[in-house]
Amino acid sequence: MPFVYRLQKILDFRIRRKEEQLLAVQRAQQQVTIAEQNIQRNNAEIQQLKVSQRTADYRMMESYDKYLHHLWEKDEQLKLIKQAAERKLQEEIMMLVEFEKAVKVLEKHKEKNREVYLNEEKAIELKNLSEVGIQRHFQSSRQGREDDEQEEQMLLKQLEQLERESINEY
């Protein structure tokens, strides 16, 4: 009978949760990457605005300043969003580590149970082989005894014949 792990459904469930958590980590990493890209785009826009401001008409300076302040505020907000995304990523990674530990524990348990099962199977096989060996031994010893008895009977018959012959000779 093949090895059947009694907690296989739980192990499969934990593996699925680990895989789902891995996807969640990937999504969180993607959010961090998007936040970084938004920050880079905003910084590029700030740099472009500074260059444009140098060559712009003096009457537009106030609107450039307002827009520049808006971009800096947006930069601060984007950095906060990035920090939140990084925290979320760290939380997801911690959960993934916990799920991986849970899976490893059950996998080790499964492997130990498998080893115990294999050892028990070997013991049963050795016991069966031992029983077969014992039966063969008794059969051969019984056969040997029967052969010995037949030899004894033959020897007794020969001895009796010799005694008769020796009696007849006298």
N, C-alpha and C. Protein backbone atom coordinates (compact mmCIF):
# COMPACT_ATOMS: atom_id res chain seq x y z
N MET A 1 0.85 -1.18 0.00
CA MET A 1 0.00 0.00 0.00
C MET A 1 0.89 1.24 0.00
N PRO A 2 0.64 2.19 -0.89
CA PRO A 2 1.50 3.37 -0.97
C PRO A 2 1.29 4.29 0.24
N PHE A 3 2.30 5.14 0.43
CA PHE A 3 2.26 6.08 1.55
C PHE A 3 1.18 7.13 1.32
N VAL A 4 0.33 7.34 2.33
CA VAL A 4 -0.71 8.37 2.28
C VAL A 4 -0.51 9.25 3.51
N TYR A 5 -0.27 10.55 3.25
CA TYR A 5 -0.08 11.50 4.35
C TYR A 5 -1.44 11.98 4.81
N ARG A 6 -1.72 11.80 6.08
CA ARG A 6 -3.06 12.10 6.59
C ARG A 6 -3.35 13.59 6.66
N LEU A 7 -2.33 14.43 6.63
CA LEU A 7 -2.53 15.88 6.68
C LEU A 7 -2.28 16.53 5.32
N GLN A 8 -2.41 15.76 4.25
CA GLN A 8 -2.11 16.26 2.90
C GLN A 8 -3.02 17.43 2.52
N LYS A 9 -4.29 17.38 2.90
CA LYS A 9 -5.20 18.48 2.56
C LYS A 9 -4.76 19.78 3.22
N ILE A 10 -4.32 19.68 4.46
CA ILE A 10 -3.85 20.87 5.18
C ILE A 10 -2.58 21.39 4.52
N LEU A 11 -1.68 20.47 4.14
CA LEU A 11 -0.45 20.88 3.46
C LEU A 11 -0.78 21.56 2.14
N ASP A 12 -1.68 21.01 1.37
CA ASP A 12 -2.08 21.62 0.10
C ASP A 12 -2.69 23.01 0.34
N PHE A 13 -3.52 23.13 1.37
CA PHE A 13 -4.13 24.42 1.70
C PHE A 13 -3.05 25.45 2.04
N ARG A 14 -2.07 25.03 2.85
CA ARG A 14 -1.01 25.96 3.23
C ARG A 14 -0.15 26.34 2.02
N ILE A 15 0.07 25.41 1.13
CA ILE A 15 0.84 25.72 -0.08
C ILE A 15 0.08 26.74 -0.93
N ARG A 16 -1.23 26.54 -1.06
CA ARG A 16 -2.04 27.51 -1.82
C ARG A 16 -1.98 28.89 -1.18
N ARG A 17 -2.09 28.94 0.16
CA ARG A 17 -2.02 30.24 0.85
C ARG A 17 -0.66 30.89 0.62
N LYS A 18 0.41 30.08 0.65
CA LYS A 18 1.74 30.62 0.41
C LYS A 18 1.84 31.19 -1.00
N GLU A 19 1.31 30.47 -1.98
CA GLU A 19 1.34 30.95 -3.36
C GLU A 19 0.52 32.23 -3.52
N GLU A 20 -0.65 32.28 -2.87
CA GLU A 20 -1.47 33.50 -2.92
C GLU A 20 -0.72 34.66 -2.27
N GLN A 21 -0.03 34.37 -1.18
CA GLN A 21 0.73 35.43 -0.49
C GLN A 21 1.90 35.88 -1.36
N LEU A 22 2.49 34.97 -2.08
CA LEU A 22 3.57 35.34 -3.00
C LEU A 22 3.04 36.31 -4.07
N LEU A 23 1.83 36.04 -4.56
CA LEU A 23 1.21 36.96 -5.51
C LEU A 23 0.95 38.32 -4.87
N ALA A 24 0.52 38.31 -3.60
CA ALA A 24 0.27 39.57 -2.88
C ALA A 24 1.58 40.35 -2.72
N VAL A 25 2.67 39.65 -2.45
CA VAL A 25 3.97 40.31 -2.34
C VAL A 25 4.36 40.93 -3.68
N GLN A 26 4.11 40.19 -4.75
CA GLN A 26 4.43 40.73 -6.08
C GLN A 26 3.60 41.97 -6.39
N ARG A 27 2.32 41.93 -6.00
CA ARG A 27 1.47 43.12 -6.22
C ARG A 27 1.97 44.30 -5.39
N ALA A 28 2.36 44.03 -4.15
CA ALA A 28 2.87 45.11 -3.30
C ALA A 28 4.17 45.67 -3.86
N GLN A 29 5.02 44.79 -4.38
CA GLN A 29 6.26 45.24 -5.01
C GLN A 29 5.97 46.09 -6.23
N GLN A 30 4.95 45.71 -6.97
CA GLN A 30 4.54 46.47 -8.13
C GLN A 30 4.04 47.86 -7.72
N GLN A 31 3.31 47.94 -6.61
CA GLN A 31 2.84 49.23 -6.11
C GLN A 31 4.01 50.13 -5.73
N VAL A 32 5.04 49.55 -5.11
CA VAL A 32 6.23 50.33 -4.75
C VAL A 32 6.91 50.84 -6.01
N THR A 33 7.02 49.98 -7.00
CA THR A 33 7.64 50.38 -8.27
C THR A 33 6.86 51.49 -8.94
N ILE A 34 5.53 51.38 -8.94
CA ILE A 34 4.68 52.44 -9.52
C ILE A 34 4.88 53.75 -8.77
N ALA A 35 4.94 53.67 -7.43
CA ALA A 35 5.14 54.89 -6.63
C ALA A 35 6.49 55.52 -6.96
N GLU A 36 7.53 54.69 -7.12
CA GLU A 36 8.85 55.23 -7.48
C GLU A 36 8.82 55.89 -8.86
N GLN A 37 8.12 55.26 -9.78
CA GLN A 37 8.01 55.83 -11.13
C GLN A 37 7.26 57.17 -11.09
N ASN A 38 6.20 57.25 -10.26
CA ASN A 38 5.45 58.51 -10.13
C ASN A 38 6.35 59.61 -9.56
N ILE A 39 7.16 59.24 -8.57
CA ILE A 39 8.08 60.21 -7.97
C ILE A 39 9.09 60.69 -9.02
N GLN A 40 9.62 59.74 -9.80
CA GLN A 40 10.59 60.12 -10.84
C GLN A 40 9.95 61.03 -11.89
N ARG A 41 8.72 60.71 -12.29
CA ARG A 41 8.03 61.57 -13.25
C ARG A 41 7.80 62.96 -12.68
N ASN A 42 7.42 63.02 -11.42
CA ASN A 42 7.18 64.31 -10.77
C ASN A 42 8.49 65.10 -10.68
N ASN A 43 9.59 64.42 -10.32
CA ASN A 43 10.89 65.11 -10.24
C ASN A 43 11.33 65.59 -11.62
N ALA A 44 11.05 64.78 -12.64
CA ALA A 44 11.40 65.20 -14.00
C ALA A 44 10.57 66.43 -14.39
N GLU A 45 9.31 66.44 -13.99
CA GLU A 45 8.45 67.58 -14.29
C GLU A 45 8.94 68.83 -13.55
N ILE A 46 9.40 68.65 -12.30
CA ILE A 46 9.94 69.78 -11.54
C ILE A 46 11.17 70.34 -12.25
N GLN A 47 12.06 69.44 -12.68
CA GLN A 47 13.27 69.89 -13.37
C GLN A 47 12.92 70.61 -14.68
N GLN A 48 11.96 70.06 -15.41
CA GLN A 48 11.54 70.69 -16.66
C GLN A 48 10.93 72.07 -16.40
N LEU A 49 10.15 72.16 -15.33
CA LEU A 49 9.53 73.44 -14.98
C LEU A 49 10.59 74.47 -14.61
N LYS A 50 11.64 74.05 -13.89
CA LYS A 50 12.71 74.98 -13.51
C LYS A 50 13.43 75.50 -14.76
N VAL A 51 13.65 74.61 -15.72
CA VAL A 51 14.30 75.03 -16.96
C VAL A 51 13.39 75.98 -17.74
N SER A 52 12.11 75.64 -17.80
CA SER A 52 11.15 76.50 -18.52
C SER A 52 11.00 77.85 -17.84
N GLN A 53 11.10 77.87 -16.52
CA GLN A 53 10.93 79.10 -15.75
C GLN A 53 12.04 80.09 -16.09
N ARG A 54 13.23 79.60 -16.37
CA ARG A 54 14.36 80.49 -16.66
C ARG A 54 14.15 81.25 -17.97
N THR A 55 13.48 80.60 -18.90
CA THR A 55 13.30 81.24 -20.21
C THR A 55 11.92 81.86 -20.38
N ALA A 56 11.12 81.80 -19.32
CA ALA A 56 9.73 82.28 -19.44
C ALA A 56 9.65 83.79 -19.23
N ASP A 57 8.51 84.32 -19.61
CA ASP A 57 8.22 85.73 -19.44
C ASP A 57 8.08 86.03 -17.95
N TYR A 58 8.52 87.21 -17.51
CA TYR A 58 8.49 87.57 -16.09
C TYR A 58 7.07 87.63 -15.54
N ARG A 59 6.06 87.87 -16.39
CA ARG A 59 4.69 87.94 -15.92
C ARG A 59 4.16 86.56 -15.53
N MET A 60 4.82 85.51 -16.00
CA MET A 60 4.38 84.14 -15.72
C MET A 60 5.05 83.56 -14.47
N MET A 61 5.95 84.30 -13.85
CA MET A 61 6.72 83.79 -12.72
C MET A 61 5.85 83.36 -11.55
N GLU A 62 4.82 84.13 -11.26
CA GLU A 62 3.95 83.79 -10.13
C GLU A 62 3.24 82.46 -10.38
N SER A 63 2.73 82.24 -11.59
CA SER A 63 2.06 80.97 -11.89
C SER A 63 3.06 79.82 -11.88
N TYR A 64 4.29 80.08 -12.36
CA TYR A 64 5.32 79.04 -12.29
C TYR A 64 5.62 78.67 -10.85
N ASP A 65 5.71 79.68 -9.99
CA ASP A 65 5.97 79.43 -8.57
C ASP A 65 4.85 78.62 -7.94
N LYS A 66 3.61 78.99 -8.23
CA LYS A 66 2.47 78.25 -7.68
C LYS A 66 2.50 76.78 -8.16
N TYR A 67 2.75 76.63 -9.45
CA TYR A 67 2.78 75.27 -9.99
C TYR A 67 3.95 74.48 -9.41
N LEU A 68 5.09 75.15 -9.20
CA LEU A 68 6.25 74.50 -8.60
C LEU A 68 5.95 74.06 -7.17
N HIS A 69 5.28 74.91 -6.39
CA HIS A 69 4.88 74.54 -5.02
C HIS A 69 3.90 73.36 -5.06
N HIS A 70 3.01 73.40 -6.02
CA HIS A 70 2.07 72.27 -6.18
C HIS A 70 2.83 70.97 -6.45
N LEU A 71 3.83 71.04 -7.31
CA LEU A 71 4.60 69.83 -7.62
C LEU A 71 5.40 69.35 -6.41
N TRP A 72 5.91 70.26 -5.59
CA TRP A 72 6.63 69.85 -4.39
C TRP A 72 5.70 69.17 -3.39
N GLU A 73 4.50 69.74 -3.26
CA GLU A 73 3.50 69.11 -2.38
C GLU A 73 3.12 67.73 -2.92
N LYS A 74 2.99 67.67 -4.22
CA LYS A 74 2.69 66.37 -4.84
C LYS A 74 3.84 65.39 -4.60
N ASP A 75 5.07 65.88 -4.64
CA ASP A 75 6.24 65.05 -4.36
C ASP A 75 6.19 64.49 -2.94
N GLU A 76 5.82 65.34 -2.00
CA GLU A 76 5.70 64.88 -0.60
C GLU A 76 4.61 63.82 -0.48
N GLN A 77 3.48 64.04 -1.14
CA GLN A 77 2.39 63.06 -1.10
C GLN A 77 2.84 61.74 -1.74
N LEU A 78 3.54 61.84 -2.86
CA LEU A 78 4.00 60.63 -3.54
C LEU A 78 5.00 59.86 -2.66
N LYS A 79 5.84 60.61 -1.95
CA LYS A 79 6.78 59.94 -1.04
C LYS A 79 6.05 59.24 0.10
N LEU A 80 4.98 59.86 0.61
CA LEU A 80 4.17 59.23 1.65
C LEU A 80 3.50 57.95 1.10
N ILE A 81 3.00 58.06 -0.15
CA ILE A 81 2.39 56.89 -0.78
C ILE A 81 3.42 55.77 -0.95
N LYS A 82 4.64 56.16 -1.32
CA LYS A 82 5.70 55.16 -1.48
C LYS A 82 6.04 54.51 -0.14
N GLN A 83 6.11 55.32 0.91
CA GLN A 83 6.40 54.76 2.24
C GLN A 83 5.31 53.79 2.67
N ALA A 84 4.06 54.16 2.42
CA ALA A 84 2.95 53.27 2.76
C ALA A 84 3.04 51.98 1.95
N ALA A 85 3.39 52.10 0.67
CA ALA A 85 3.52 50.91 -0.18
C ALA A 85 4.68 50.03 0.31
N GLU A 86 5.77 50.65 0.76
CA GLU A 86 6.90 49.89 1.29
C GLU A 86 6.52 49.18 2.59
N ARG A 87 5.77 49.86 3.45
CA ARG A 87 5.30 49.22 4.69
C ARG A 87 4.41 48.02 4.36
N LYS A 88 3.51 48.23 3.40
CA LYS A 88 2.62 47.15 2.97
C LYS A 88 3.43 45.99 2.41
N LEU A 89 4.46 46.30 1.64
CA LEU A 89 5.33 45.26 1.09
C LEU A 89 6.02 44.48 2.21
N GLN A 90 6.52 45.19 3.22
CA GLN A 90 7.18 44.52 4.34
C GLN A 90 6.21 43.61 5.10
N GLU A 91 4.98 44.09 5.29
CA GLU A 91 3.97 43.27 5.96
C GLU A 91 3.67 42.01 5.15
N GLU A 92 3.54 42.19 3.84
CA GLU A 92 3.25 41.04 2.97
C GLU A 92 4.41 40.05 2.99
N ILE A 93 5.64 40.57 3.01
CA ILE A 93 6.82 39.68 3.06
C ILE A 93 6.84 38.92 4.38
N MET A 94 6.52 39.59 5.47
CA MET A 94 6.49 38.92 6.78
C MET A 94 5.44 37.81 6.78
N MET A 95 4.28 38.09 6.20
CA MET A 95 3.24 37.07 6.13
C MET A 95 3.70 35.90 5.25
N LEU A 96 4.39 36.21 4.16
CA LEU A 96 4.91 35.16 3.28
C LEU A 96 5.90 34.28 4.02
N VAL A 97 6.76 34.89 4.81
CA VAL A 97 7.73 34.12 5.59
C VAL A 97 7.01 33.18 6.56
N GLU A 98 5.97 33.69 7.21
CA GLU A 98 5.20 32.86 8.14
C GLU A 98 4.54 31.68 7.41
N PHE A 99 3.98 31.95 6.24
CA PHE A 99 3.33 30.87 5.47
C PHE A 99 4.37 29.85 5.01
N GLU A 100 5.55 30.33 4.62
CA GLU A 100 6.61 29.41 4.20
C GLU A 100 7.04 28.53 5.37
N LYS A 101 7.13 29.12 6.57
CA LYS A 101 7.48 28.33 7.76
C LYS A 101 6.43 27.25 8.01
N ALA A 102 5.17 27.63 7.90
CA ALA A 102 4.09 26.67 8.13
C ALA A 102 4.15 25.53 7.12
N VAL A 103 4.46 25.85 5.88
CA VAL A 103 4.56 24.80 4.85
C VAL A 103 5.76 23.90 5.14
N LYS A 104 6.90 24.51 5.51
CA LYS A 104 8.10 23.71 5.78
C LYS A 104 7.88 22.78 6.96
N VAL A 105 7.16 23.25 7.97
CA VAL A 105 6.89 22.40 9.13
C VAL A 105 6.11 21.16 8.71
N LEU A 106 5.06 21.37 7.93
CA LEU A 106 4.26 20.22 7.48
C LEU A 106 5.04 19.33 6.52
N GLU A 107 5.89 19.93 5.68
CA GLU A 107 6.68 19.10 4.77
C GLU A 107 7.66 18.24 5.55
N LYS A 108 8.28 18.80 6.60
CA LYS A 108 9.18 17.99 7.44
C LYS A 108 8.40 16.89 8.14
N HIS A 109 7.21 17.24 8.64
CA HIS A 109 6.36 16.25 9.30
C HIS A 109 6.00 15.13 8.33
N LYS A 110 5.67 15.51 7.12
CA LYS A 110 5.32 14.52 6.09
C LYS A 110 6.51 13.61 5.81
N GLU A 111 7.69 14.21 5.69
CA GLU A 111 8.89 13.42 5.39
C GLU A 111 9.20 12.45 6.55
N LYS A 112 9.05 12.91 7.78
CA LYS A 112 9.27 12.02 8.92
C LYS A 112 8.27 10.88 8.93
N ASN A 113 7.01 11.20 8.67
CA ASN A 113 5.99 10.14 8.61
C ASN A 113 6.28 9.17 7.48
N ARG A 114 6.78 9.69 6.37
CA ARG A 114 7.13 8.82 5.25
C ARG A 114 8.26 7.88 5.64
N GLU A 115 9.26 8.39 6.34
CA GLU A 115 10.37 7.55 6.79
C GLU A 115 9.87 6.48 7.75
N VAL A 116 9.00 6.87 8.68
CA VAL A 116 8.44 5.90 9.63
C VAL A 116 7.67 4.83 8.87
N TYR A 117 6.88 5.25 7.89
CA TYR A 117 6.10 4.32 7.08
C TYR A 117 7.03 3.34 6.36
N LEU A 118 8.09 3.87 5.75
CA LEU A 118 9.03 3.00 5.04
C LEU A 118 9.71 2.03 5.99
N ASN A 119 10.07 2.51 7.18
CA ASN A 119 10.69 1.61 8.17
C ASN A 119 9.72 0.52 8.60
N GLU A 120 8.46 0.89 8.80
CA GLU A 120 7.45 -0.11 9.17
C GLU A 120 7.26 -1.12 8.05
N GLU A 121 7.24 -0.65 6.81
CA GLU A 121 7.10 -1.55 5.67
C GLU A 121 8.29 -2.51 5.60
N LYS A 122 9.49 -2.00 5.84
CA LYS A 122 10.67 -2.86 5.84
C LYS A 122 10.57 -3.90 6.95
N ALA A 123 10.11 -3.45 8.13
CA ALA A 123 9.99 -4.38 9.26
C ALA A 123 8.97 -5.48 8.94
N ILE A 124 7.85 -5.10 8.34
CA ILE A 124 6.83 -6.10 7.98
C ILE A 124 7.39 -7.06 6.94
N GLU A 125 8.10 -6.53 5.97
CA GLU A 125 8.69 -7.39 4.94
C GLU A 125 9.71 -8.34 5.54
N LEU A 126 10.54 -7.81 6.45
CA LEU A 126 11.53 -8.67 7.11
C LEU A 126 10.84 -9.75 7.95
N LYS A 127 9.76 -9.38 8.61
CA LYS A 127 9.02 -10.35 9.40
C LYS A 127 8.44 -11.44 8.51
N ASN A 128 7.85 -11.02 7.38
CA ASN A 128 7.31 -12.00 6.45
C ASN A 128 8.41 -12.91 5.91
N LEU A 129 9.53 -12.32 5.55
CA LEU A 129 10.65 -13.13 5.05
C LEU A 129 11.17 -14.06 6.13
N SER A 130 11.20 -13.58 7.36
CA SER A 130 11.64 -14.42 8.47
C SER A 130 10.69 -15.59 8.67
N GLU A 131 9.39 -15.31 8.59
CA GLU A 131 8.41 -16.38 8.74
C GLU A 131 8.55 -17.41 7.62
N VAL A 132 8.78 -16.94 6.41
CA VAL A 132 8.97 -17.86 5.29
C VAL A 132 10.23 -18.70 5.52
N GLY A 133 11.28 -18.05 5.99
CA GLY A 133 12.52 -18.77 6.28
C GLY A 133 12.33 -19.82 7.37
N ILE A 134 11.59 -19.46 8.40
CA ILE A 134 11.34 -20.41 9.49
C ILE A 134 10.53 -21.59 8.97
N GLN A 135 9.52 -21.32 8.16
CA GLN A 135 8.71 -22.40 7.60
C GLN A 135 9.55 -23.31 6.72
N ARG A 136 10.42 -22.73 5.91
CA ARG A 136 11.30 -23.55 5.07
C ARG A 136 12.24 -24.39 5.92
N HIS A 137 12.74 -23.78 6.98
CA HIS A 137 13.64 -24.52 7.86
C HIS A 137 12.93 -25.71 8.48
N PHE A 138 11.72 -25.48 8.99
CA PHE A 138 10.98 -26.58 9.61
C PHE A 138 10.62 -27.65 8.58
N GLN A 139 10.28 -27.22 7.37
CA GLN A 139 9.97 -28.19 6.33
C GLN A 139 11.20 -29.02 5.99
N SER A 140 12.32 -28.33 5.85
CA SER A 140 13.53 -29.08 5.51
C SER A 140 13.96 -29.96 6.68
N SER A 141 13.80 -29.47 7.91
CA SER A 141 14.18 -30.31 9.05
C SER A 141 13.21 -31.48 9.20
N ARG A 142 11.94 -31.27 8.93
CA ARG A 142 10.96 -32.35 8.96
C ARG A 142 11.28 -33.37 7.88
N GLN A 143 11.61 -32.86 6.70
CA GLN A 143 11.99 -33.73 5.60
C GLN A 143 13.25 -34.51 5.98
N GLY A 144 14.17 -33.79 6.60
CA GLY A 144 15.42 -34.44 7.03
C GLY A 144 15.14 -35.52 8.06
N ARG A 145 14.22 -35.25 9.00
CA ARG A 145 13.88 -36.25 10.02
C ARG A 145 13.21 -37.47 9.39
N GLU A 146 12.34 -37.19 8.43
CA GLU A 146 11.68 -38.31 7.76
C GLU A 146 12.71 -39.15 7.01
N ASP A 147 13.67 -38.49 6.38
CA ASP A 147 14.74 -39.23 5.70
C ASP A 147 15.56 -40.02 6.70
N ASP A 148 15.85 -39.40 7.86
CA ASP A 148 16.60 -40.10 8.91
C ASP A 148 15.83 -41.31 9.40
N GLU A 149 14.53 -41.16 9.60
CA GLU A 149 13.70 -42.28 10.06
C GLU A 149 13.69 -43.41 9.03
N GLN A 150 13.60 -43.03 7.77
CA GLN A 150 13.62 -44.05 6.71
C GLN A 150 14.96 -44.78 6.70
N GLU A 151 16.03 -44.00 6.87
CA GLU A 151 17.36 -44.62 6.92
C GLU A 151 17.47 -45.57 8.11
N GLU A 152 16.96 -45.13 9.26
CA GLU A 152 17.00 -45.98 10.45
C GLU A 152 16.22 -47.27 10.22
N GLN A 153 15.05 -47.14 9.62
CA GLN A 153 14.26 -48.34 9.33
C GLN A 153 15.00 -49.26 8.37
N MET A 154 15.63 -48.68 7.37
CA MET A 154 16.40 -49.50 6.43
C MET A 154 17.56 -50.18 7.14
N LEU A 155 18.24 -49.41 8.00
CA LEU A 155 19.35 -49.98 8.75
C LEU A 155 18.88 -51.10 9.68
N LEU A 156 17.73 -50.87 10.31
CA LEU A 156 17.17 -51.89 11.20
C LEU A 156 16.81 -53.15 10.40
N LYS A 157 16.24 -52.97 9.23
CA LYS A 157 15.90 -54.10 8.38
C LYS A 157 17.16 -54.86 7.96
N GLN A 158 18.19 -54.07 7.60
CA GLN A 158 19.43 -54.72 7.22
C GLN A 158 20.06 -55.47 8.39
N LEU A 159 19.97 -54.84 9.55
CA LEU A 159 20.51 -55.47 10.76
C LEU A 159 19.75 -56.74 11.07
N GLU A 160 18.45 -56.70 10.95
CA GLU A 160 17.62 -57.87 11.18
C GLU A 160 17.97 -58.97 10.18
N GLN A 161 18.19 -58.60 8.94
CA GLN A 161 18.55 -59.59 7.93
C GLN A 161 19.91 -60.21 8.26
N LEU A 162 20.82 -59.33 8.67
CA LEU A 162 22.14 -59.85 9.03
C LEU A 162 22.04 -60.80 10.23
N GLU A 163 21.22 -60.45 11.18
CA GLU A 163 21.04 -61.30 12.35
C GLU A 163 20.41 -62.63 11.93
N ARG A 164 19.45 -62.61 11.09
CA ARG A 164 18.82 -63.83 10.60
C ARG A 164 19.82 -64.70 9.85
N GLU A 165 20.59 -64.02 9.03
CA GLU A 165 21.58 -64.76 8.26
C GLU A 165 22.62 -65.36 9.20
N SER A 166 23.01 -64.60 10.18
CA SER A 166 24.00 -65.12 11.11
C SER A 166 23.41 -66.23 11.96
N ILE A 167 22.12 -66.18 12.27
CA ILE A 167 21.45 -67.23 13.03
C ILE A 167 21.33 -68.47 12.13
N ASN A 168 21.00 -68.26 10.93
CA ASN A 168 20.86 -69.37 10.00
C ASN A 168 22.21 -70.04 9.74
N GLU A 169 23.26 -69.36 9.78
CA GLU A 169 24.56 -69.92 9.57
C GLU A 169 24.98 -70.76 10.74
N TYR A 170 24.56 -70.55 11.91
CA TYR A 170 24.98 -71.28 13.08
C TYR A 170 24.09 -72.41 13.21
